[in-house]
């Protein structure tokens, strides 16, 4: 089995999740993490060699952060 790690980070200015991988030349964006889940399998299949085996695991790692004001 081949594992492809995809990292996604939320861009609050653009209101999208930006995903990229160091394992394959992938960079994409989606409005939600769920939309990334639906989008990634097709993209990964297009980018990998057909002879790497029958199973590919996509490891999607997400990260988001936000600021908040101190509550009085």
PDB file of N, CA and C in Angstrom:
ATOM      1  N   UNK A   1       0.839  -1.176   0.000  1.00  0.00           N
ATOM      2  CA  UNK A   1       0.000   0.000   0.000  1.00  0.00           C
ATOM      3  C   UNK A   1       0.887   1.243   0.000  1.00  0.00           C
ATOM      4  N   UNK A   2       0.480   2.225  -0.764  1.00  0.00           N
ATOM      5  CA  UNK A   2       1.177   3.504  -0.828  1.00  0.00           C
ATOM      6  C   UNK A   2       0.380   4.523  -0.022  1.00  0.00           C
ATOM      7  N   UNK A   3       1.071   5.342   0.776  1.00  0.00           N
ATOM      8  CA  UNK A   3       0.401   6.386   1.538  1.00  0.00           C
ATOM      9  C   UNK A   3       0.794   7.745   0.977  1.00  0.00           C
ATOM     10  N   UNK A   4      -0.185   8.558   0.695  1.00  0.00           N
ATOM     11  CA  UNK A   4       0.009   9.932   0.240  1.00  0.00           C
ATOM     12  C   UNK A   4      -0.466  10.839   1.360  1.00  0.00           C
ATOM     13  N   UNK A   5       0.437  11.667   1.879  1.00  0.00           N
ATOM     14  CA  UNK A   5       0.062  12.611   2.939  1.00  0.00           C
ATOM     15  C   UNK A   5      -0.290  13.947   2.294  1.00  0.00           C
ATOM     16  N   UNK A   6      -1.452  14.452   2.671  1.00  0.00           N
ATOM     17  CA  UNK A   6      -1.933  15.739   2.178  1.00  0.00           C
ATOM     18  C   UNK A   6      -2.180  16.620   3.390  1.00  0.00           C
ATOM     19  N   UNK A   7      -1.583  17.805   3.387  1.00  0.00           N
ATOM     20  CA  UNK A   7      -1.766  18.765   4.476  1.00  0.00           C
ATOM     21  C   UNK A   7      -2.706  19.863   3.999  1.00  0.00           C
ATOM     22  N   UNK A   8      -3.661  20.223   4.840  1.00  0.00           N
ATOM     23  CA  UNK A   8      -4.611  21.278   4.498  1.00  0.00           C
ATOM     24  C   UNK A   8      -4.658  22.299   5.622  1.00  0.00           C
ATOM     25  N   UNK A   9      -4.678  23.541   5.227  1.00  0.00           N
ATOM     26  CA  UNK A   9      -4.742  24.630   6.190  1.00  0.00           C
ATOM     27  C   UNK A   9      -5.838  25.596   5.757  1.00  0.00           C
ATOM     28  N   UNK A  10      -6.580  26.094   6.724  1.00  0.00           N
ATOM     29  CA  UNK A  10      -7.670  27.013   6.412  1.00  0.00           C
ATOM     30  C   UNK A  10      -7.124  28.409   6.177  1.00  0.00           C
ATOM     31  N   UNK A  11      -7.529  29.033   5.076  1.00  0.00           N
ATOM     32  CA  UNK A  11      -7.163  30.411   4.756  1.00  0.00           C
ATOM     33  C   UNK A  11      -8.379  31.277   5.024  1.00  0.00           C
ATOM     34  N   UNK A  12      -8.394  31.979   6.176  1.00  0.00           N
ATOM     35  CA  UNK A  12      -9.585  32.755   6.534  1.00  0.00           C
ATOM     36  C   UNK A  12      -9.853  33.925   5.590  1.00  0.00           C
ATOM     37  N   UNK A  13      -8.825  34.473   4.975  1.00  0.00           N
ATOM     38  CA  UNK A  13      -9.033  35.585   4.057  1.00  0.00           C
ATOM     39  C   UNK A  13      -9.770  35.130   2.800  1.00  0.00           C
ATOM     40  N   UNK A  14      -9.440  33.953   2.305  1.00  0.00           N
ATOM     41  CA  UNK A  14     -10.093  33.419   1.108  1.00  0.00           C
ATOM     42  C   UNK A  14     -11.286  32.525   1.455  1.00  0.00           C
ATOM     43  N   UNK A  15     -11.438  32.179   2.727  1.00  0.00           N
ATOM     44  CA  UNK A  15     -12.505  31.284   3.197  1.00  0.00           C
ATOM     45  C   UNK A  15     -12.476  29.925   2.502  1.00  0.00           C
ATOM     46  N   UNK A  16     -11.280  29.370   2.352  1.00  0.00           N
ATOM     47  CA  UNK A  16     -11.120  28.046   1.742  1.00  0.00           C
ATOM     48  C   UNK A  16     -10.050  27.256   2.478  1.00  0.00           C
ATOM     49  N   UNK A  17     -10.114  25.935   2.322  1.00  0.00           N
ATOM     50  CA  UNK A  17      -9.062  25.043   2.778  1.00  0.00           C
ATOM     51  C   UNK A  17      -8.096  24.846   1.616  1.00  0.00           C
ATOM     52  N   UNK A  18      -6.811  25.101   1.851  1.00  0.00           N
ATOM     53  CA  UNK A  18      -5.778  24.919   0.835  1.00  0.00           C
ATOM     54  C   UNK A  18      -5.022  23.644   1.179  1.00  0.00           C
ATOM     55  N   UNK A  19      -4.980  22.718   0.234  1.00  0.00           N
ATOM     56  CA  UNK A  19      -4.356  21.419   0.467  1.00  0.00           C
ATOM     57  C   UNK A  19      -3.189  21.221  -0.486  1.00  0.00           C
ATOM     58  N   UNK A  20      -2.104  20.626   0.041  1.00  0.00           N
ATOM     59  CA  UNK A  20      -0.949  20.308  -0.796  1.00  0.00           C
ATOM     60  C   UNK A  20      -0.246  19.082  -0.246  1.00  0.00           C
ATOM     61  N   UNK A  21       0.587  18.481  -1.095  1.00  0.00           N
ATOM     62  CA  UNK A  21       1.306  17.278  -0.703  1.00  0.00           C
ATOM     63  C   UNK A  21       2.753  17.372  -1.137  1.00  0.00           C
ATOM     64  N   UNK A  22       3.645  16.885  -0.289  1.00  0.00           N
ATOM     65  CA  UNK A  22       5.057  16.771  -0.652  1.00  0.00           C
ATOM     66  C   UNK A  22       5.331  15.445  -1.361  1.00  0.00           C
ATOM     67  N   UNK A  23       4.369  14.521  -1.305  1.00  0.00           N
ATOM     68  CA  UNK A  23       4.542  13.206  -1.905  1.00  0.00           C
ATOM     69  C   UNK A  23       4.261  13.198  -3.407  1.00  0.00           C
ATOM     70  N   UNK A  24       3.330  14.024  -3.831  1.00  0.00           N
ATOM     71  CA  UNK A  24       2.978  14.154  -5.248  1.00  0.00           C
ATOM     72  C   UNK A  24       2.756  15.638  -5.535  1.00  0.00           C
ATOM     73  N   UNK A  25       2.801  16.054  -6.796  1.00  0.00           N
ATOM     74  CA  UNK A  25       2.630  17.481  -7.109  1.00  0.00           C
ATOM     75  C   UNK A  25       1.157  17.901  -7.059  1.00  0.00           C
ATOM     76  N   UNK A  26       0.623  17.974  -5.850  1.00  0.00           N
ATOM     77  CA  UNK A  26      -0.786  18.283  -5.662  1.00  0.00           C
ATOM     78  C   UNK A  26      -0.927  19.573  -4.892  1.00  0.00           C
ATOM     79  N   UNK A  27      -1.766  20.450  -5.381  1.00  0.00           N
ATOM     80  CA  UNK A  27      -2.209  21.633  -4.639  1.00  0.00           C
ATOM     81  C   UNK A  27      -3.616  21.942  -5.121  1.00  0.00           C
ATOM     82  N   UNK A  28      -4.517  22.118  -4.167  1.00  0.00           N
ATOM     83  CA  UNK A  28      -5.914  22.386  -4.506  1.00  0.00           C
ATOM     84  C   UNK A  28      -6.566  23.115  -3.348  1.00  0.00           C
ATOM     85  N   UNK A  29      -7.792  23.522  -3.547  1.00  0.00           N
ATOM     86  CA  UNK A  29      -8.532  24.171  -2.466  1.00  0.00           C
ATOM     87  C   UNK A  29      -9.993  23.750  -2.537  1.00  0.00           C
ATOM     88  N   UNK A  30     -10.674  23.897  -1.406  1.00  0.00           N
ATOM     89  CA  UNK A  30     -12.094  23.568  -1.319  1.00  0.00           C
ATOM     90  C   UNK A  30     -12.704  24.374  -0.186  1.00  0.00           C
ATOM     91  N   UNK A  31     -14.001  24.542  -0.254  1.00  0.00           N
ATOM     92  CA  UNK A  31     -14.708  25.325   0.767  1.00  0.00           C
ATOM     93  C   UNK A  31     -14.754  24.643   2.123  1.00  0.00           C
ATOM     94  N   UNK A  32     -14.777  23.302   2.117  1.00  0.00           N
ATOM     95  CA  UNK A  32     -14.882  22.548   3.368  1.00  0.00           C
ATOM     96  C   UNK A  32     -13.926  21.356   3.340  1.00  0.00           C
ATOM     97  N   UNK A  33     -13.662  20.802   4.512  1.00  0.00           N
ATOM     98  CA  UNK A  33     -12.852  19.586   4.598  1.00  0.00           C
ATOM     99  C   UNK A  33     -13.590  18.435   3.919  1.00  0.00           C
ATOM    100  N   UNK A  34     -14.898  18.393   4.069  1.00  0.00           N
ATOM    101  CA  UNK A  34     -15.691  17.343   3.433  1.00  0.00           C
ATOM    102  C   UNK A  34     -15.551  17.413   1.912  1.00  0.00           C
ATOM    103  N   UNK A  35     -15.512  18.628   1.363  1.00  0.00           N
ATOM    104  CA  UNK A  35     -15.330  18.791  -0.082  1.00  0.00           C
ATOM    105  C   UNK A  35     -13.945  18.298  -0.505  1.00  0.00           C
ATOM    106  N   UNK A  36     -12.930  18.500   0.345  1.00  0.00           N
ATOM    107  CA  UNK A  36     -11.597  17.953   0.052  1.00  0.00           C
ATOM    108  C   UNK A  36     -11.641  16.431   0.012  1.00  0.00           C
ATOM    109  N   UNK A  37     -12.362  15.821   0.953  1.00  0.00           N
ATOM    110  CA  UNK A  37     -12.505  14.357   0.994  1.00  0.00           C
ATOM    111  C   UNK A  37     -13.082  13.835  -0.319  1.00  0.00           C
ATOM    112  N   UNK A  38     -14.034  14.560  -0.879  1.00  0.00           N
ATOM    113  CA  UNK A  38     -14.648  14.128  -2.134  1.00  0.00           C
ATOM    114  C   UNK A  38     -13.728  14.384  -3.332  1.00  0.00           C
ATOM    115  N   UNK A  39     -12.942  15.443  -3.275  1.00  0.00           N
ATOM    116  CA  UNK A  39     -12.118  15.885  -4.402  1.00  0.00           C
ATOM    117  C   UNK A  39     -10.793  15.123  -4.523  1.00  0.00           C
ATOM    118  N   UNK A  40     -10.175  14.803  -3.395  1.00  0.00           N
ATOM    119  CA  UNK A  40      -8.822  14.254  -3.392  1.00  0.00           C
ATOM    120  C   UNK A  40      -8.650  12.906  -4.094  1.00  0.00           C
ATOM    121  N   UNK A  41      -9.537  11.927  -3.916  1.00  0.00           N
ATOM    122  CA  UNK A  41      -9.292  10.635  -4.567  1.00  0.00           C
ATOM    123  C   UNK A  41      -9.111  10.734  -6.083  1.00  0.00           C
ATOM    124  N   UNK A  42      -9.934  11.503  -6.753  1.00  0.00           N
ATOM    125  CA  UNK A  42      -9.801  11.669  -8.200  1.00  0.00           C
ATOM    126  C   UNK A  42      -8.517  12.370  -8.586  1.00  0.00           C
ATOM    127  N   UNK A  43      -8.153  13.398  -7.834  1.00  0.00           N
ATOM    128  CA  UNK A  43      -6.920  14.132  -8.121  1.00  0.00           C
ATOM    129  C   UNK A  43      -5.695  13.250  -7.911  1.00  0.00           C
ATOM    130  N   UNK A  44      -5.684  12.511  -6.799  1.00  0.00           N
ATOM    131  CA  UNK A  44      -4.550  11.630  -6.503  1.00  0.00           C
ATOM    132  C   UNK A  44      -4.426  10.558  -7.585  1.00  0.00           C
ATOM    133  N   UNK A  45      -5.542   9.973  -7.985  1.00  0.00           N
ATOM    134  CA  UNK A  45      -5.517   8.942  -9.030  1.00  0.00           C
ATOM    135  C   UNK A  45      -4.925   9.489 -10.325  1.00  0.00           C
ATOM    136  N   UNK A  46      -5.234  10.735 -10.656  1.00  0.00           N
ATOM    137  CA  UNK A  46      -4.692  11.345 -11.875  1.00  0.00           C
ATOM    138  C   UNK A  46      -3.195  11.605 -11.779  1.00  0.00           C
ATOM    139  N   UNK A  47      -2.682  11.803 -10.556  1.00  0.00           N
ATOM    140  CA  UNK A  47      -1.287  12.210 -10.385  1.00  0.00           C
ATOM    141  C   UNK A  47      -0.304  11.072 -10.112  1.00  0.00           C
ATOM    142  N   UNK A  48      -0.791   9.907  -9.716  1.00  0.00           N
ATOM    143  CA  UNK A  48       0.130   8.814  -9.388  1.00  0.00           C
ATOM    144  C   UNK A  48       0.275   7.855 -10.560  1.00  0.00           C
ATOM    145  N   UNK A  49       1.354   7.105 -10.546  1.00  0.00           N
ATOM    146  CA  UNK A  49       1.567   6.072 -11.555  1.00  0.00           C
ATOM    147  C   UNK A  49       0.573   4.952 -11.347  1.00  0.00           C
ATOM    148  N   UNK A  50       0.159   4.350 -12.437  1.00  0.00           N
ATOM    149  CA  UNK A  50      -0.775   3.245 -12.352  1.00  0.00           C
ATOM    150  C   UNK A  50      -0.157   1.979 -11.808  1.00  0.00           C
ATOM    151  N   UNK A  51       1.172   1.900 -11.753  1.00  0.00           N
ATOM    152  CA  UNK A  51       1.813   0.652 -11.338  1.00  0.00           C
ATOM    153  C   UNK A  51       2.322   0.683  -9.904  1.00  0.00           C
ATOM    154  N   UNK A  52       1.774   1.542  -9.046  1.00  0.00           N
ATOM    155  CA  UNK A  52       2.269   1.607  -7.664  1.00  0.00           C
ATOM    156  C   UNK A  52       1.556   0.640  -6.743  1.00  0.00           C
ATOM    157  N   UNK A  53       0.621  -0.094  -7.262  1.00  0.00           N
ATOM    158  CA  UNK A  53      -0.121  -1.030  -6.432  1.00  0.00           C
ATOM    159  C   UNK A  53      -1.598  -0.731  -6.500  1.00  0.00           C
ATOM    160  N   UNK A  54      -2.376  -1.592  -5.908  1.00  0.00           N
ATOM    161  CA  UNK A  54      -3.824  -1.446  -6.024  1.00  0.00           C
ATOM    162  C   UNK A  54      -4.429  -0.587  -4.917  1.00  0.00           C
ATOM    163  N   UNK A  55      -3.689  -0.366  -3.834  1.00  0.00           N
ATOM    164  CA  UNK A  55      -4.233   0.416  -2.731  1.00  0.00           C
ATOM    165  C   UNK A  55      -3.402   1.649  -2.455  1.00  0.00           C
ATOM    166  N   UNK A  56      -4.108   2.767  -2.306  1.00  0.00           N
ATOM    167  CA  UNK A  56      -3.474   4.031  -1.938  1.00  0.00           C
ATOM    168  C   UNK A  56      -4.234   4.585  -0.742  1.00  0.00           C
ATOM    169  N   UNK A  57      -3.507   4.932   0.296  1.00  0.00           N
ATOM    170  CA  UNK A  57      -4.114   5.549   1.477  1.00  0.00           C
ATOM    171  C   UNK A  57      -3.803   7.037   1.414  1.00  0.00           C
ATOM    172  N   UNK A  58      -4.847   7.846   1.539  1.00  0.00           N
ATOM    173  CA  UNK A  58      -4.666   9.302   1.583  1.00  0.00           C
ATOM    174  C   UNK A  58      -4.803   9.728   3.038  1.00  0.00           C
ATOM    175  N   UNK A  59      -3.740  10.299   3.570  1.00  0.00           N
ATOM    176  CA  UNK A  59      -3.704  10.772   4.951  1.00  0.00           C
ATOM    177  C   UNK A  59      -3.887  12.287   4.908  1.00  0.00           C
ATOM    178  N   UNK A  60      -5.102  12.765   5.190  1.00  0.00           N
ATOM    179  CA  UNK A  60      -5.409  14.194   5.154  1.00  0.00           C
ATOM    180  C   UNK A  60      -5.249  14.781   6.547  1.00  0.00           C
ATOM    181  N   UNK A  61      -4.287  15.674   6.697  1.00  0.00           N
ATOM    182  CA  UNK A  61      -3.999  16.328   7.977  1.00  0.00           C
ATOM    183  C   UNK A  61      -4.437  17.777   7.855  1.00  0.00           C
ATOM    184  N   UNK A  62      -5.345  18.205   8.731  1.00  0.00           N
ATOM    185  CA  UNK A  62      -5.864  19.572   8.659  1.00  0.00           C
ATOM    186  C   UNK A  62      -5.379  20.402   9.844  1.00  0.00           C
ATOM    187  N   UNK A  63      -5.309  21.703   9.605  1.00  0.00           N
ATOM    188  CA  UNK A  63      -4.894  22.627  10.662  1.00  0.00           C
ATOM    189  C   UNK A  63      -5.633  23.942  10.466  1.00  0.00           C
ATOM    190  N   UNK A  64      -6.158  24.456  11.557  1.00  0.00           N
ATOM    191  CA  UNK A  64      -6.761  25.790  11.530  1.00  0.00           C
ATOM    192  C   UNK A  64      -6.462  26.464  12.862  1.00  0.00           C
ATOM    193  N   UNK A  65      -6.451  27.772  12.821  1.00  0.00           N
ATOM    194  CA  UNK A  65      -6.252  28.536  14.055  1.00  0.00           C
ATOM    195  C   UNK A  65      -7.076  29.818  13.951  1.00  0.00           C
ATOM    196  N   UNK A  66      -7.332  30.414  15.093  1.00  0.00           N
ATOM    197  CA  UNK A  66      -8.099  31.642  15.112  1.00  0.00           C
ATOM    198  C   UNK A  66      -7.699  32.456  16.325  1.00  0.00           C
ATOM    199  N   UNK A  67      -8.028  33.739  16.279  1.00  0.00           N
ATOM    200  CA  UNK A  67      -7.763  34.633  17.407  1.00  0.00           C
ATOM    201  C   UNK A  67      -9.073  34.991  18.070  1.00  0.00           C
ATOM    202  N   UNK A  68      -8.982  35.242  19.334  1.00  0.00           N
ATOM    203  CA  UNK A  68     -10.166  35.684  20.065  1.00  0.00           C
ATOM    204  C   UNK A  68      -9.789  36.810  21.016  1.00  0.00           C
ATOM    205  N   UNK A  69     -10.737  37.632  21.309  1.00  0.00           N
ATOM    206  CA  UNK A  69     -10.518  38.710  22.250  1.00  0.00           C
ATOM    207  C   UNK A  69     -10.661  38.178  23.661  1.00  0.00           C
ATOM    208  N   UNK A  70      -9.943  38.779  24.571  1.00  0.00           N
ATOM    209  CA  UNK A  70     -10.050  38.397  25.964  1.00  0.00           C
ATOM    210  C   UNK A  70     -11.445  38.755  26.476  1.00  0.00           C
ATOM    211  N   UNK A  71     -12.070  37.795  27.128  1.00  0.00           N
ATOM    212  CA  UNK A  71     -13.416  37.989  27.652  1.00  0.00           C
ATOM    213  C   UNK A  71     -13.312  38.681  29.016  1.00  0.00           C
ATOM    214  N   UNK A  72     -14.106  39.717  29.198  1.00  0.00           N
ATOM    215  CA  UNK A  72     -14.067  40.496  30.446  1.00  0.00           C
ATOM    216  C   UNK A  72     -14.773  39.794  31.563  1.00  0.00           C
TER     217      UNK A  72
END
